[in-house]
Amino acid sequence: MLALLALILVGFVMATLGIALLCLGEVPFIAGKRIPALRSRLIGLILAGFLPLALGVHQGITYFFPEAVEGPVVTWSLFGFCWFVVFVILFRVLVPKRPPRKPAKGGVTPSTKNPFGEAPVVEAEPTKKGPAKKKVSEPAPESLAWMEPDPEPEPVKKPAAQKKEPEPAKKAAPTKKPAGKKACKPPAEDENPFDFS
């Protein structure tokens, strides 16, 4: 009974860690190293699969070989095998074949150079009050072109009207005079839905 309780507790801890590794992917490890996503997910799959595999193997052993092998021996052997595979997978993270690659020179590097060019420095003329002061930066006149309104397009020329035969005169419908605008009466204060006072 105690062995089964320990198996369930250890299996639950391993399954929790395994599911976390499956979901997270790349995770930090010892001494600032990181476990790559593929290795992390393989380890998570092994750890999460321990408890179902242990229970299945235990049931299979008791069904096919009832008195040949004890159940806890097989279960804890499977536990040791799972952790051995986990350490084999982690071995290359702890002891890499070659030193980590340095970032490529042609890669993305932060640049201190302004991609839009430097702003021109314009000197002011001296005034009667004192020496001229330098203006630090003033945008060039061509850089403000986007703020100017677009020129109005030329009017479209209509094609020359073709001669049409005059149509018989139609009786013009009487036109109605537009009614004056009715003054909107403001709603009463009780009925105003926008009055939040």
C-alpha atoms as a PDB file:
ATOM      1  CA  MET A   1       0.000   0.000   0.000  1.00  0.00           C
ATOM      2  CA  LEU A   2       2.812   2.388   0.890  1.00  0.00           C
ATOM      3  CA  ALA A   3       4.589   1.617  -2.394  1.00  0.00           C
ATOM      4  CA  LEU A   4       1.427   2.414  -4.357  1.00  0.00           C
ATOM      5  CA  LEU A   5       0.965   5.699  -2.496  1.00  0.00           C
ATOM      6  CA  ALA A   6       4.597   6.670  -3.188  1.00  0.00           C
ATOM      7  CA  LEU A   7       4.128   5.734  -6.850  1.00  0.00           C
ATOM      8  CA  ILE A   8       1.055   7.946  -7.152  1.00  0.00           C
ATOM      9  CA  LEU A   9       2.790  10.878  -5.421  1.00  0.00           C
ATOM     10  CA  VAL A  10       5.962  10.608  -7.538  1.00  0.00           C
ATOM     11  CA  GLY A  11       3.882  10.082 -10.683  1.00  0.00           C
ATOM     12  CA  PHE A  12       1.812  13.183  -9.930  1.00  0.00           C
ATOM     13  CA  VAL A  13       4.931  15.334  -9.427  1.00  0.00           C
ATOM     14  CA  MET A  14       6.533  14.003 -12.617  1.00  0.00           C
ATOM     15  CA  ALA A  15       3.321  14.497 -14.589  1.00  0.00           C
ATOM     16  CA  THR A  16       2.980  18.092 -13.352  1.00  0.00           C
ATOM     17  CA  LEU A  17       6.571  18.904 -14.337  1.00  0.00           C
ATOM     18  CA  GLY A  18       6.124  17.120 -17.660  1.00  0.00           C
ATOM     19  CA  ILE A  19       2.954  19.022 -18.582  1.00  0.00           C
ATOM     20  CA  ALA A  20       4.641  22.310 -17.653  1.00  0.00           C
ATOM     21  CA  LEU A  21       7.595  21.496 -19.933  1.00  0.00           C
ATOM     22  CA  LEU A  22       5.239  20.467 -22.738  1.00  0.00           C
ATOM     23  CA  CYS A  23       3.397  23.785 -22.530  1.00  0.00           C
ATOM     24  CA  LEU A  24       6.364  26.124 -22.011  1.00  0.00           C
ATOM     25  CA  GLY A  25       8.798  24.918 -24.644  1.00  0.00           C
ATOM     26  CA  GLU A  26      12.198  26.638 -24.200  1.00  0.00           C
ATOM     27  CA  VAL A  27      12.969  27.076 -20.495  1.00  0.00           C
ATOM     28  CA  PRO A  28      15.929  28.406 -18.476  1.00  0.00           C
ATOM     29  CA  PHE A  29      18.249  25.895 -16.833  1.00  0.00           C
ATOM     30  CA  ILE A  30      21.377  25.821 -14.658  1.00  0.00           C
ATOM     31  CA  ALA A  31      24.031  28.580 -14.973  1.00  0.00           C
ATOM     32  CA  GLY A  32      22.091  30.721 -17.424  1.00  0.00           C
ATOM     33  CA  LYS A  33      21.785  27.940 -20.004  1.00  0.00           C
ATOM     34  CA  ARG A  34      18.465  27.278 -21.701  1.00  0.00           C
ATOM     35  CA  ILE A  35      16.834  23.987 -22.619  1.00  0.00           C
ATOM     36  CA  PRO A  36      15.757  24.199 -26.285  1.00  0.00           C
ATOM     37  CA  ALA A  37      12.057  23.774 -26.994  1.00  0.00           C
ATOM     38  CA  LEU A  38      12.371  20.361 -28.696  1.00  0.00           C
ATOM     39  CA  ARG A  39      14.415  18.857 -25.852  1.00  0.00           C
ATOM     40  CA  SER A  40      12.115  20.413 -23.267  1.00  0.00           C
ATOM     41  CA  ARG A  41       9.031  18.938 -24.901  1.00  0.00           C
ATOM     42  CA  LEU A  42      10.656  15.494 -25.201  1.00  0.00           C
ATOM     43  CA  ILE A  43      11.504  15.571 -21.490  1.00  0.00           C
ATOM     44  CA  GLY A  44       7.953  16.724 -20.721  1.00  0.00           C
ATOM     45  CA  LEU A  45       6.511  13.845 -22.756  1.00  0.00           C
ATOM     46  CA  ILE A  46       8.665  11.299 -20.892  1.00  0.00           C
ATOM     47  CA  LEU A  47       7.825  12.726 -17.459  1.00  0.00           C
ATOM     48  CA  ALA A  48       4.090  13.073 -18.179  1.00  0.00           C
ATOM     49  CA  GLY A  49       3.951   9.552 -19.581  1.00  0.00           C
ATOM     50  CA  PHE A  50       5.588   7.875 -16.575  1.00  0.00           C
ATOM     51  CA  LEU A  51       2.491   7.332 -14.422  1.00  0.00           C
ATOM     52  CA  PRO A  52       0.221   5.914 -17.181  1.00  0.00           C
ATOM     53  CA  LEU A  53       3.095   3.776 -18.447  1.00  0.00           C
ATOM     54  CA  ALA A  54       3.923   2.509 -14.936  1.00  0.00           C
ATOM     55  CA  LEU A  55       0.306   1.594 -14.209  1.00  0.00           C
ATOM     56  CA  GLY A  56      -0.057  -0.096 -17.612  1.00  0.00           C
ATOM     57  CA  VAL A  57       3.148  -2.112 -17.222  1.00  0.00           C
ATOM     58  CA  HIS A  58       2.151  -3.109 -13.676  1.00  0.00           C
ATOM     59  CA  GLN A  59      -1.246  -4.361 -14.901  1.00  0.00           C
ATOM     60  CA  GLY A  60       0.343  -6.163 -17.857  1.00  0.00           C
ATOM     61  CA  ILE A  61       2.910  -7.904 -15.653  1.00  0.00           C
ATOM     62  CA  THR A  62       0.257  -9.083 -13.164  1.00  0.00           C
ATOM     63  CA  TYR A  63      -1.960 -10.321 -16.025  1.00  0.00           C
ATOM     64  CA  PHE A  64       0.648 -12.177 -18.111  1.00  0.00           C
ATOM     65  CA  PHE A  65       3.178 -13.178 -15.411  1.00  0.00           C
ATOM     66  CA  PRO A  66       1.276 -13.299 -12.106  1.00  0.00           C
ATOM     67  CA  GLU A  67       4.083 -14.553  -9.838  1.00  0.00           C
ATOM     68  CA  ALA A  68       7.217 -14.082 -11.957  1.00  0.00           C
ATOM     69  CA  VAL A  69       8.110 -10.453 -11.128  1.00  0.00           C
ATOM     70  CA  GLU A  70       7.016  -8.188  -8.304  1.00  0.00           C
ATOM     71  CA  GLY A  71       5.078  -5.070  -9.377  1.00  0.00           C
ATOM     72  CA  PRO A  72       7.099  -2.465  -7.419  1.00  0.00           C
ATOM     73  CA  VAL A  73      10.359  -3.741  -8.901  1.00  0.00           C
ATOM     74  CA  VAL A  74       9.084  -3.118 -12.419  1.00  0.00           C
ATOM     75  CA  THR A  75       7.602   0.256 -11.486  1.00  0.00           C
ATOM     76  CA  TRP A  76      10.744   1.622  -9.861  1.00  0.00           C
ATOM     77  CA  SER A  77      12.896   0.209 -12.666  1.00  0.00           C
ATOM     78  CA  LEU A  78      10.701   2.123 -15.097  1.00  0.00           C
ATOM     79  CA  PHE A  79      11.124   5.231 -12.901  1.00  0.00           C
ATOM     80  CA  GLY A  80      14.918   4.900 -13.092  1.00  0.00           C
ATOM     81  CA  PHE A  81      14.791   4.341 -16.864  1.00  0.00           C
ATOM     82  CA  CYS A  82      12.666   7.503 -17.398  1.00  0.00           C
ATOM     83  CA  TRP A  83      15.093   9.658 -15.403  1.00  0.00           C
ATOM     84  CA  PHE A  84      18.075   8.110 -17.213  1.00  0.00           C
ATOM     85  CA  VAL A  85      16.535   9.118 -20.565  1.00  0.00           C
ATOM     86  CA  VAL A  86      15.861  12.639 -19.196  1.00  0.00           C
ATOM     87  CA  PHE A  87      19.525  13.023 -18.178  1.00  0.00           C
ATOM     88  CA  VAL A  88      20.704  11.723 -21.566  1.00  0.00           C
ATOM     89  CA  ILE A  89      18.575  14.373 -23.270  1.00  0.00           C
ATOM     90  CA  LEU A  90      19.897  17.075 -20.898  1.00  0.00           C
ATOM     91  CA  PHE A  91      23.525  15.993 -21.332  1.00  0.00           C
ATOM     92  CA  ARG A  92      24.036  18.068 -24.496  1.00  0.00           C
ATOM     93  CA  VAL A  93      22.572  21.108 -22.755  1.00  0.00           C
ATOM     94  CA  LEU A  94      25.045  20.764 -19.875  1.00  0.00           C
ATOM     95  CA  VAL A  95      28.042  19.740 -22.025  1.00  0.00           C
ATOM     96  CA  PRO A  96      27.694  21.134 -25.563  1.00  0.00           C
ATOM     97  CA  LYS A  97      29.842  19.738 -28.417  1.00  0.00           C
ATOM     98  CA  ARG A  98      31.154  23.191 -29.314  1.00  0.00           C
ATOM     99  CA  PRO A  99      31.070  26.601 -27.677  1.00  0.00           C
ATOM    100  CA  PRO A 100      27.918  28.646 -28.243  1.00  0.00           C
ATOM    101  CA  ARG A 101      27.838  30.608 -31.482  1.00  0.00           C
ATOM    102  CA  LYS A 102      28.585  34.288 -31.438  1.00  0.00           C
ATOM    103  CA  PRO A 103      26.076  36.594 -33.089  1.00  0.00           C
ATOM    104  CA  ALA A 104      26.785  37.128 -36.776  1.00  0.00           C
ATOM    105  CA  LYS A 105      28.231  40.478 -37.816  1.00  0.00           C
ATOM    106  CA  GLY A 106      25.633  40.873 -40.551  1.00  0.00           C
ATOM    107  CA  GLY A 107      22.807  40.214 -38.127  1.00  0.00           C
ATOM    108  CA  VAL A 108      20.569  42.695 -36.450  1.00  0.00           C
ATOM    109  CA  THR A 109      22.609  45.040 -34.297  1.00  0.00           C
ATOM    110  CA  PRO A 110      21.479  48.248 -32.693  1.00  0.00           C
ATOM    111  CA  SER A 111      22.842  51.229 -34.569  1.00  0.00           C
ATOM    112  CA  THR A 112      23.620  54.639 -33.164  1.00  0.00           C
ATOM    113  CA  LYS A 113      23.399  56.213 -36.599  1.00  0.00           C
ATOM    114  CA  ASN A 114      20.143  58.036 -37.323  1.00  0.00           C
ATOM    115  CA  PRO A 115      18.506  56.295 -40.320  1.00  0.00           C
ATOM    116  CA  PHE A 116      16.867  59.576 -41.388  1.00  0.00           C
ATOM    117  CA  GLY A 117      20.121  61.520 -41.580  1.00  0.00           C
ATOM    118  CA  GLU A 118      21.437  64.294 -39.420  1.00  0.00           C
ATOM    119  CA  ALA A 119      19.482  67.531 -39.002  1.00  0.00           C
ATOM    120  CA  PRO A 120      21.322  70.510 -40.525  1.00  0.00           C
ATOM    121  CA  VAL A 121      22.687  73.140 -38.161  1.00  0.00           C
ATOM    122  CA  VAL A 122      21.616  76.638 -39.182  1.00  0.00           C
ATOM    123  CA  GLU A 123      23.441  79.691 -37.875  1.00  0.00           C
ATOM    124  CA  ALA A 124      21.454  82.824 -37.122  1.00  0.00           C
ATOM    125  CA  GLU A 125      22.607  86.279 -38.183  1.00  0.00           C
ATOM    126  CA  PRO A 126      23.932  88.568 -35.455  1.00  0.00           C
ATOM    127  CA  THR A 127      21.432  91.004 -34.016  1.00  0.00           C
ATOM    128  CA  LYS A 128      21.864  94.410 -32.476  1.00  0.00           C
ATOM    129  CA  LYS A 129      21.309  93.029 -28.985  1.00  0.00           C
ATOM    130  CA  GLY A 130      24.244  90.658 -28.927  1.00  0.00           C
ATOM    131  CA  PRO A 131      26.213  87.918 -30.663  1.00  0.00           C
ATOM    132  CA  ALA A 132      24.437  85.381 -32.836  1.00  0.00           C
ATOM    133  CA  LYS A 133      23.160  82.256 -31.168  1.00  0.00           C
ATOM    134  CA  LYS A 134      23.323  78.903 -32.892  1.00  0.00           C
ATOM    135  CA  LYS A 135      20.154  77.016 -33.463  1.00  0.00           C
ATOM    136  CA  VAL A 136      20.698  73.416 -32.621  1.00  0.00           C
ATOM    137  CA  SER A 137      18.599  71.804 -35.301  1.00  0.00           C
ATOM    138  CA  GLU A 138      16.105  73.031 -37.775  1.00  0.00           C
ATOM    139  CA  PRO A 139      14.531  70.677 -40.271  1.00  0.00           C
ATOM    140  CA  ALA A 140      15.398  71.218 -43.884  1.00  0.00           C
ATOM    141  CA  PRO A 141      12.657  72.869 -45.973  1.00  0.00           C
ATOM    142  CA  GLU A 142      12.287  69.834 -48.227  1.00  0.00           C
ATOM    143  CA  SER A 143      11.549  67.615 -45.245  1.00  0.00           C
ATOM    144  CA  LEU A 144       8.300  69.518 -44.578  1.00  0.00           C
ATOM    145  CA  ALA A 145       6.876  68.781 -48.014  1.00  0.00           C
ATOM    146  CA  TRP A 146       4.519  66.189 -46.601  1.00  0.00           C
ATOM    147  CA  MET A 147       2.801  68.875 -44.498  1.00  0.00           C
ATOM    148  CA  GLU A 148       1.889  71.049 -47.469  1.00  0.00           C
ATOM    149  CA  PRO A 149      -1.554  70.541 -48.995  1.00  0.00           C
ATOM    150  CA  ASP A 150      -1.770  68.695 -52.270  1.00  0.00           C
ATOM    151  CA  PRO A 151      -2.273  70.866 -55.347  1.00  0.00           C
ATOM    152  CA  GLU A 152      -5.818  70.955 -56.627  1.00  0.00           C
ATOM    153  CA  PRO A 153      -6.387  68.681 -59.600  1.00  0.00           C
ATOM    154  CA  GLU A 154      -7.180  70.237 -62.944  1.00  0.00           C
ATOM    155  CA  PRO A 155     -10.869  70.196 -63.837  1.00  0.00           C
ATOM    156  CA  VAL A 156     -11.939  67.390 -66.082  1.00  0.00           C
ATOM    157  CA  LYS A 157     -12.777  68.550 -69.594  1.00  0.00           C
ATOM    158  CA  LYS A 158     -16.163  67.466 -70.755  1.00  0.00           C
ATOM    159  CA  PRO A 159     -16.355  65.924 -74.204  1.00  0.00           C
ATOM    160  CA  ALA A 160     -18.005  67.981 -76.883  1.00  0.00           C
ATOM    161  CA  ALA A 161     -21.764  67.650 -76.687  1.00  0.00           C
ATOM    162  CA  GLN A 162     -23.306  65.671 -79.466  1.00  0.00           C
ATOM    163  CA  LYS A 163     -26.264  67.101 -81.220  1.00  0.00           C
ATOM    164  CA  LYS A 164     -29.470  65.467 -80.148  1.00  0.00           C
ATOM    165  CA  GLU A 165     -32.842  65.884 -81.598  1.00  0.00           C
ATOM    166  CA  PRO A 166     -35.029  68.005 -79.393  1.00  0.00           C
ATOM    167  CA  GLU A 167     -37.398  65.963 -77.313  1.00  0.00           C
ATOM    168  CA  PRO A 168     -41.035  66.908 -77.134  1.00  0.00           C
ATOM    169  CA  ALA A 169     -41.677  69.315 -74.322  1.00  0.00           C
ATOM    170  CA  LYS A 170     -42.782  67.658 -71.131  1.00  0.00           C
ATOM    171  CA  LYS A 171     -45.085  69.179 -68.681  1.00  0.00           C
ATOM    172  CA  ALA A 172     -43.021  70.359 -65.779  1.00  0.00           C
ATOM    173  CA  ALA A 173     -44.127  69.152 -62.385  1.00  0.00           C
ATOM    174  CA  PRO A 174     -44.885  71.898 -59.886  1.00  0.00           C
ATOM    175  CA  THR A 175     -41.998  72.387 -57.521  1.00  0.00           C
ATOM    176  CA  LYS A 176     -42.526  72.610 -53.803  1.00  0.00           C
ATOM    177  CA  LYS A 177     -40.884  75.278 -51.806  1.00  0.00           C
ATOM    178  CA  PRO A 178     -38.647  73.883 -49.118  1.00  0.00           C
ATOM    179  CA  ALA A 179     -40.230  74.184 -45.770  1.00  0.00           C
ATOM    180  CA  GLY A 180     -38.334  76.241 -43.222  1.00  0.00           C
ATOM    181  CA  LYS A 181     -36.351  74.307 -40.683  1.00  0.00           C
ATOM    182  CA  LYS A 182     -38.289  73.541 -37.617  1.00  0.00           C
ATOM    183  CA  ALA A 183     -36.506  74.578 -34.505  1.00  0.00           C
ATOM    184  CA  CYS A 184     -35.550  71.612 -32.407  1.00  0.00           C
ATOM    185  CA  LYS A 185     -37.010  71.849 -29.018  1.00  0.00           C
ATOM    186  CA  PRO A 186     -34.509  70.744 -26.400  1.00  0.00           C
ATOM    187  CA  PRO A 187     -35.840  67.863 -24.370  1.00  0.00           C
ATOM    188  CA  ALA A 188     -36.969  68.510 -20.897  1.00  0.00           C
ATOM    189  CA  GLU A 189     -34.357  67.996 -18.229  1.00  0.00           C
ATOM    190  CA  ASP A 190     -36.172  64.935 -16.962  1.00  0.00           C
ATOM    191  CA  GLU A 191     -36.107  63.347 -20.417  1.00  0.00           C
ATOM    192  CA  ASN A 192     -32.490  64.115 -21.346  1.00  0.00           C
ATOM    193  CA  PRO A 193     -30.682  60.751 -21.524  1.00  0.00           C
ATOM    194  CA  PHE A 194     -27.251  62.399 -21.597  1.00  0.00           C
ATOM    195  CA  ASP A 195     -27.644  64.456 -18.450  1.00  0.00           C
ATOM    196  CA  PHE A 196     -25.588  62.639 -15.815  1.00  0.00           C
ATOM    197  CA  SER A 197     -25.745  65.277 -13.107  1.00  0.00           C
END
